[in-house]
Each structure stands twice: as C-alpha cells, then as structure tokens.
Amino acid sequence: MSRPRATRADAATAGISLVATMLVFAAAGYGLGSLVNLAVPLGLVGLFAGVFVGLAVVHARFRRI
C-alpha cells in the first residue's frame, strides 16, 4: 500500500497547531505569572515551552509530511 500524498491542508494544519500550542502555553504562563507578579517572564517561558511542546505535537500527528 502506498501512503496518501501530503496536501497543503495538512501543512497548514500542522502550522496552525504549532502556533496555537505556543499561544496557549504563553497565555497560561502569563496567567500564572499574573498571580505572582511575574507575568511577562512566565509568559515568555510559556511561549518557549509551547514551541517545544508544539513541535512534539506536530511530529506525533503529522509524521508523514
């Protein structure tokens, strides 16, 4: 059996998944940081954590691209 061919929609979905994960983690970090008066630093930590988690999510879901 041959693999289905990757489409532009798959690539767009992978990109949106990565950006959405980054934004969710940044918002969570900012929200938790607001509770302890470290909103911006924890927001940035969340953003960078979102990059790595987002890459893992995209890799797990779209290995065939």
PDB file of N, CA and C in Angstrom:
ATOM      1  N   MET A   1       0.837  -1.182   0.000  1.00  0.00           N
ATOM      2  CA  MET A   1       0.000   0.000   0.000  1.00  0.00           C
ATOM      3  C   MET A   1       0.881   1.244   0.000  1.00  0.00           C
ATOM      4  N   SER A   2       0.468   2.197  -0.755  1.00  0.00           N
ATOM      5  CA  SER A   2       1.200   3.457  -0.782  1.00  0.00           C
ATOM      6  C   SER A   2       0.571   4.432   0.210  1.00  0.00           C
ATOM      7  N   ARG A   3       1.419   5.303   0.711  1.00  0.00           N
ATOM      8  CA  ARG A   3       0.940   6.316   1.647  1.00  0.00           C
ATOM      9  C   ARG A   3       0.152   7.381   0.896  1.00  0.00           C
ATOM     10  N   PRO A   4      -0.862   7.957   1.554  1.00  0.00           N
ATOM     11  CA  PRO A   4      -1.553   9.074   0.916  1.00  0.00           C
ATOM     12  C   PRO A   4      -0.609  10.269   0.804  1.00  0.00           C
ATOM     13  N   ARG A   5      -0.756  10.997  -0.256  1.00  0.00           N
ATOM     14  CA  ARG A   5       0.109  12.141  -0.503  1.00  0.00           C
ATOM     15  C   ARG A   5      -0.248  13.303   0.420  1.00  0.00           C
ATOM     16  N   ALA A   6       0.765  13.966   0.963  1.00  0.00           N
ATOM     17  CA  ALA A   6       0.544  15.118   1.830  1.00  0.00           C
ATOM     18  C   ALA A   6       0.000  16.286   1.011  1.00  0.00           C
ATOM     19  N   THR A   7      -0.925  17.000   1.588  1.00  0.00           N
ATOM     20  CA  THR A   7      -1.538  18.129   0.905  1.00  0.00           C
ATOM     21  C   THR A   7      -1.159  19.434   1.596  1.00  0.00           C
ATOM     22  N   ARG A   8      -1.507  20.527   0.948  1.00  0.00           N
ATOM     23  CA  ARG A   8      -1.268  21.837   1.557  1.00  0.00           C
ATOM     24  C   ARG A   8      -2.103  22.009   2.817  1.00  0.00           C
ATOM     25  N   ALA A   9      -3.272  21.393   2.847  1.00  0.00           N
ATOM     26  CA  ALA A   9      -4.118  21.494   4.032  1.00  0.00           C
ATOM     27  C   ALA A   9      -3.443  20.839   5.235  1.00  0.00           C
ATOM     28  N   ASP A  10      -2.737  19.726   5.010  1.00  0.00           N
ATOM     29  CA  ASP A  10      -2.005  19.089   6.106  1.00  0.00           C
ATOM     30  C   ASP A  10      -0.910  20.000   6.628  1.00  0.00           C
ATOM     31  N   ALA A  11      -0.187  20.633   5.753  1.00  0.00           N
ATOM     32  CA  ALA A  11       0.885  21.541   6.161  1.00  0.00           C
ATOM     33  C   ALA A  11       0.315  22.750   6.909  1.00  0.00           C
ATOM     34  N   ALA A  12      -0.790  23.280   6.428  1.00  0.00           N
ATOM     35  CA  ALA A  12      -1.413  24.426   7.093  1.00  0.00           C
ATOM     36  C   ALA A  12      -1.922  24.039   8.478  1.00  0.00           C
ATOM     37  N   THR A  13      -2.509  22.859   8.589  1.00  0.00           N
ATOM     38  CA  THR A  13      -2.995  22.388   9.882  1.00  0.00           C
ATOM     39  C   THR A  13      -1.846  22.187  10.853  1.00  0.00           C
ATOM     40  N   ALA A  14      -0.725  21.679  10.370  1.00  0.00           N
ATOM     41  CA  ALA A  14       0.445  21.497  11.220  1.00  0.00           C
ATOM     42  C   ALA A  14       0.953  22.848  11.721  1.00  0.00           C
ATOM     43  N   GLY A  15       1.013  23.835  10.856  1.00  0.00           N
ATOM     44  CA  GLY A  15       1.459  25.162  11.256  1.00  0.00           C
ATOM     45  C   GLY A  15       0.527  25.820  12.251  1.00  0.00           C
ATOM     46  N   ILE A  16      -0.759  25.686  12.013  1.00  0.00           N
ATOM     47  CA  ILE A  16      -1.744  26.265  12.930  1.00  0.00           C
ATOM     48  C   ILE A  16      -1.680  25.578  14.284  1.00  0.00           C
ATOM     49  N   SER A  17      -1.458  24.267  14.280  1.00  0.00           N
ATOM     50  CA  SER A  17      -1.333  23.530  15.544  1.00  0.00           C
ATOM     51  C   SER A  17      -0.137  24.030  16.345  1.00  0.00           C
ATOM     52  N   LEU A  18       0.964  24.277  15.675  1.00  0.00           N
ATOM     53  CA  LEU A  18       2.164  24.771  16.348  1.00  0.00           C
ATOM     54  C   LEU A  18       1.917  26.153  16.942  1.00  0.00           C
ATOM     55  N   VAL A  19       1.357  27.051  16.161  1.00  0.00           N
ATOM     56  CA  VAL A  19       1.099  28.414  16.644  1.00  0.00           C
ATOM     57  C   VAL A  19       0.074  28.410  17.775  1.00  0.00           C
ATOM     58  N   ALA A  20      -0.965  27.596  17.654  1.00  0.00           N
ATOM     59  CA  ALA A  20      -1.991  27.532  18.701  1.00  0.00           C
ATOM     60  C   ALA A  20      -1.407  27.015  20.012  1.00  0.00           C
ATOM     61  N   THR A  21      -0.552  26.015  19.933  1.00  0.00           N
ATOM     62  CA  THR A  21       0.080  25.490  21.139  1.00  0.00           C
ATOM     63  C   THR A  21       0.963  26.546  21.788  1.00  0.00           C
ATOM     64  N   MET A  22       1.697  27.280  20.971  1.00  0.00           N
ATOM     65  CA  MET A  22       2.540  28.353  21.505  1.00  0.00           C
ATOM     66  C   MET A  22       1.700  29.407  22.223  1.00  0.00           C
ATOM     67  N   LEU A  23       0.587  29.794  21.615  1.00  0.00           N
ATOM     68  CA  LEU A  23      -0.265  30.826  22.219  1.00  0.00           C
ATOM     69  C   LEU A  23      -0.926  30.348  23.509  1.00  0.00           C
ATOM     70  N   VAL A  24      -1.356  29.098  23.530  1.00  0.00           N
ATOM     71  CA  VAL A  24      -1.989  28.555  24.739  1.00  0.00           C
ATOM     72  C   VAL A  24      -0.984  28.505  25.885  1.00  0.00           C
ATOM     73  N   PHE A  25       0.226  28.045  25.605  1.00  0.00           N
ATOM     74  CA  PHE A  25       1.230  27.977  26.665  1.00  0.00           C
ATOM     75  C   PHE A  25       1.655  29.367  27.120  1.00  0.00           C
ATOM     76  N   ALA A  26       1.770  30.306  26.199  1.00  0.00           N
ATOM     77  CA  ALA A  26       2.127  31.676  26.576  1.00  0.00           C
ATOM     78  C   ALA A  26       1.029  32.304  27.439  1.00  0.00           C
ATOM     79  N   ALA A  27      -0.213  32.073  27.076  1.00  0.00           N
ATOM     80  CA  ALA A  27      -1.328  32.615  27.864  1.00  0.00           C
ATOM     81  C   ALA A  27      -1.382  31.979  29.249  1.00  0.00           C
ATOM     82  N   ALA A  28      -1.125  30.677  29.309  1.00  0.00           N
ATOM     83  CA  ALA A  28      -1.112  30.006  30.614  1.00  0.00           C
ATOM     84  C   ALA A  28       0.026  30.534  31.484  1.00  0.00           C
ATOM     85  N   GLY A  29       1.192  30.713  30.898  1.00  0.00           N
ATOM     86  CA  GLY A  29       2.315  31.265  31.647  1.00  0.00           C
ATOM     87  C   GLY A  29       2.049  32.683  32.107  1.00  0.00           C
ATOM     88  N   TYR A  30       1.452  33.474  31.231  1.00  0.00           N
ATOM     89  CA  TYR A  30       1.119  34.856  31.603  1.00  0.00           C
ATOM     90  C   TYR A  30       0.083  34.880  32.723  1.00  0.00           C
ATOM     91  N   GLY A  31      -0.909  34.013  32.606  1.00  0.00           N
ATOM     92  CA  GLY A  31      -1.955  33.957  33.634  1.00  0.00           C
ATOM     93  C   GLY A  31      -1.414  33.526  34.981  1.00  0.00           C
ATOM     94  N   LEU A  32      -0.583  32.488  34.987  1.00  0.00           N
ATOM     95  CA  LEU A  32       0.018  32.044  36.244  1.00  0.00           C
ATOM     96  C   LEU A  32       1.002  33.082  36.771  1.00  0.00           C
ATOM     97  N   GLY A  33       1.709  33.730  35.873  1.00  0.00           N
ATOM     98  CA  GLY A  33       2.640  34.774  36.282  1.00  0.00           C
ATOM     99  C   GLY A  33       1.943  35.980  36.877  1.00  0.00           C
ATOM    100  N   SER A  34       0.734  36.256  36.446  1.00  0.00           N
ATOM    101  CA  SER A  34      -0.025  37.380  36.992  1.00  0.00           C
ATOM    102  C   SER A  34      -0.341  37.170  38.470  1.00  0.00           C
ATOM    103  N   LEU A  35      -0.447  35.913  38.854  1.00  0.00           N
ATOM    104  CA  LEU A  35      -0.756  35.623  40.255  1.00  0.00           C
ATOM    105  C   LEU A  35       0.426  35.919  41.177  1.00  0.00           C
ATOM    106  N   VAL A  36       1.639  35.844  40.650  1.00  0.00           N
ATOM    107  CA  VAL A  36       2.830  36.049  41.473  1.00  0.00           C
ATOM    108  C   VAL A  36       3.646  37.261  41.020  1.00  0.00           C
ATOM    109  N   ASN A  37       3.024  38.154  40.271  1.00  0.00           N
ATOM    110  CA  ASN A  37       3.658  39.384  39.779  1.00  0.00           C
ATOM    111  C   ASN A  37       4.876  39.125  38.903  1.00  0.00           C
ATOM    112  N   LEU A  38       4.850  38.062  38.121  1.00  0.00           N
ATOM    113  CA  LEU A  38       5.898  37.750  37.150  1.00  0.00           C
ATOM    114  C   LEU A  38       5.267  37.398  35.814  1.00  0.00           C
ATOM    115  N   ALA A  39       4.321  38.218  35.385  1.00  0.00           N
ATOM    116  CA  ALA A  39       3.526  37.881  34.214  1.00  0.00           C
ATOM    117  C   ALA A  39       4.359  37.770  32.939  1.00  0.00           C
ATOM    118  N   VAL A  40       5.175  38.751  32.661  1.00  0.00           N
ATOM    119  CA  VAL A  40       5.930  38.745  31.403  1.00  0.00           C
ATOM    120  C   VAL A  40       7.001  37.650  31.376  1.00  0.00           C
ATOM    121  N   PRO A  41       7.808  37.498  32.430  1.00  0.00           N
ATOM    122  CA  PRO A  41       8.801  36.414  32.365  1.00  0.00           C
ATOM    123  C   PRO A  41       8.176  35.026  32.232  1.00  0.00           C
ATOM    124  N   LEU A  42       7.129  34.755  32.975  1.00  0.00           N
ATOM    125  CA  LEU A  42       6.493  33.441  32.875  1.00  0.00           C
ATOM    126  C   LEU A  42       5.725  33.293  31.571  1.00  0.00           C
ATOM    127  N   GLY A  43       5.250  34.390  31.023  1.00  0.00           N
ATOM    128  CA  GLY A  43       4.632  34.338  29.700  1.00  0.00           C
ATOM    129  C   GLY A  43       5.639  33.952  28.634  1.00  0.00           C
ATOM    130  N   LEU A  44       6.843  34.494  28.720  1.00  0.00           N
ATOM    131  CA  LEU A  44       7.905  34.132  27.779  1.00  0.00           C
ATOM    132  C   LEU A  44       8.352  32.682  27.962  1.00  0.00           C
ATOM    133  N   VAL A  45       8.443  32.241  29.211  1.00  0.00           N
ATOM    134  CA  VAL A  45       8.782  30.841  29.473  1.00  0.00           C
ATOM    135  C   VAL A  45       7.713  29.933  28.872  1.00  0.00           C
ATOM    136  N   GLY A  46       6.451  30.309  29.037  1.00  0.00           N
ATOM    137  CA  GLY A  46       5.360  29.534  28.456  1.00  0.00           C
ATOM    138  C   GLY A  46       5.418  29.519  26.933  1.00  0.00           C
ATOM    139  N   LEU A  47       5.791  30.646  26.355  1.00  0.00           N
ATOM    140  CA  LEU A  47       5.903  30.726  24.904  1.00  0.00           C
ATOM    141  C   LEU A  47       6.953  29.749  24.379  1.00  0.00           C
ATOM    142  N   PHE A  48       8.128  29.762  24.994  1.00  0.00           N
ATOM    143  CA  PHE A  48       9.192  28.866  24.536  1.00  0.00           C
ATOM    144  C   PHE A  48       8.883  27.404  24.856  1.00  0.00           C
ATOM    145  N   ALA A  49       8.224  27.160  25.971  1.00  0.00           N
ATOM    146  CA  ALA A  49       7.792  25.789  26.262  1.00  0.00           C
ATOM    147  C   ALA A  49       6.771  25.348  25.221  1.00  0.00           C
ATOM    148  N   GLY A  50       5.912  26.266  24.787  1.00  0.00           N
ATOM    149  CA  GLY A  50       4.924  25.964  23.759  1.00  0.00           C
ATOM    150  C   GLY A  50       5.557  25.604  22.427  1.00  0.00           C
ATOM    151  N   VAL A  51       6.710  26.187  22.126  1.00  0.00           N
ATOM    152  CA  VAL A  51       7.419  25.842  20.886  1.00  0.00           C
ATOM    153  C   VAL A  51       7.799  24.366  20.904  1.00  0.00           C
ATOM    154  N   PHE A  52       8.407  23.927  22.004  1.00  0.00           N
ATOM    155  CA  PHE A  52       8.864  22.549  22.085  1.00  0.00           C
ATOM    156  C   PHE A  52       7.707  21.551  22.160  1.00  0.00           C
ATOM    157  N   VAL A  53       6.696  21.888  22.937  1.00  0.00           N
ATOM    158  CA  VAL A  53       5.527  21.008  23.018  1.00  0.00           C
ATOM    159  C   VAL A  53       4.793  20.998  21.684  1.00  0.00           C
ATOM    160  N   GLY A  54       4.691  22.141  21.039  1.00  0.00           N
ATOM    161  CA  GLY A  54       4.035  22.218  19.733  1.00  0.00           C
ATOM    162  C   GLY A  54       4.758  21.392  18.686  1.00  0.00           C
ATOM    163  N   LEU A  55       6.087  21.440  18.689  1.00  0.00           N
ATOM    164  CA  LEU A  55       6.846  20.615  17.753  1.00  0.00           C
ATOM    165  C   LEU A  55       6.617  19.131  18.014  1.00  0.00           C
ATOM    166  N   ALA A  56       6.531  18.754  19.277  1.00  0.00           N
ATOM    167  CA  ALA A  56       6.263  17.355  19.612  1.00  0.00           C
ATOM    168  C   ALA A  56       4.863  16.940  19.156  1.00  0.00           C
ATOM    169  N   VAL A  57       3.894  17.820  19.332  1.00  0.00           N
ATOM    170  CA  VAL A  57       2.519  17.523  18.902  1.00  0.00           C
ATOM    171  C   VAL A  57       2.459  17.373  17.384  1.00  0.00           C
ATOM    172  N   VAL A  58       3.084  18.293  16.669  1.00  0.00           N
ATOM    173  CA  VAL A  58       3.073  18.234  15.207  1.00  0.00           C
ATOM    174  C   VAL A  58       3.799  16.993  14.720  1.00  0.00           C
ATOM    175  N   HIS A  59       4.912  16.667  15.336  1.00  0.00           N
ATOM    176  CA  HIS A  59       5.646  15.469  14.924  1.00  0.00           C
ATOM    177  C   HIS A  59       4.831  14.207  15.170  1.00  0.00           C
ATOM    178  N   ALA A  60       4.162  14.143  16.301  1.00  0.00           N
ATOM    179  CA  ALA A  60       3.366  12.963  16.608  1.00  0.00           C
ATOM    180  C   ALA A  60       2.167  12.815  15.667  1.00  0.00           C
ATOM    181  N   ARG A  61       1.579  13.926  15.289  1.00  0.00           N
ATOM    182  CA  ARG A  61       0.371  13.857  14.477  1.00  0.00           C
ATOM    183  C   ARG A  61       0.648  13.797  12.979  1.00  0.00           C
ATOM    184  N   PHE A  62       1.686  14.473  12.530  1.00  0.00           N
ATOM    185  CA  PHE A  62       1.938  14.597  11.096  1.00  0.00           C
ATOM    186  C   PHE A  62       3.292  14.007  10.702  1.00  0.00           C
ATOM    187  N   ARG A  63       3.591  12.823  11.099  1.00  0.00           N
ATOM    188  CA  ARG A  63       4.870  12.197  10.774  1.00  0.00           C
ATOM    189  C   ARG A  63       5.060  11.995   9.281  1.00  0.00           C
ATOM    190  N   ARG A  64       3.989  11.856   8.557  1.00  0.00           N
ATOM    191  CA  ARG A  64       4.098  11.528   7.143  1.00  0.00           C
ATOM    192  C   ARG A  64       4.341  12.720   6.232  1.00  0.00           C
ATOM    193  N   ILE A  65       4.286  13.944   6.759  1.00  0.00           N
ATOM    194  CA  ILE A  65       4.508  15.128   5.923  1.00  0.00           C
ATOM    195  C   ILE A  65       5.980  15.295   5.657  1.00  0.00           C
TER     196      ILE A  65
END
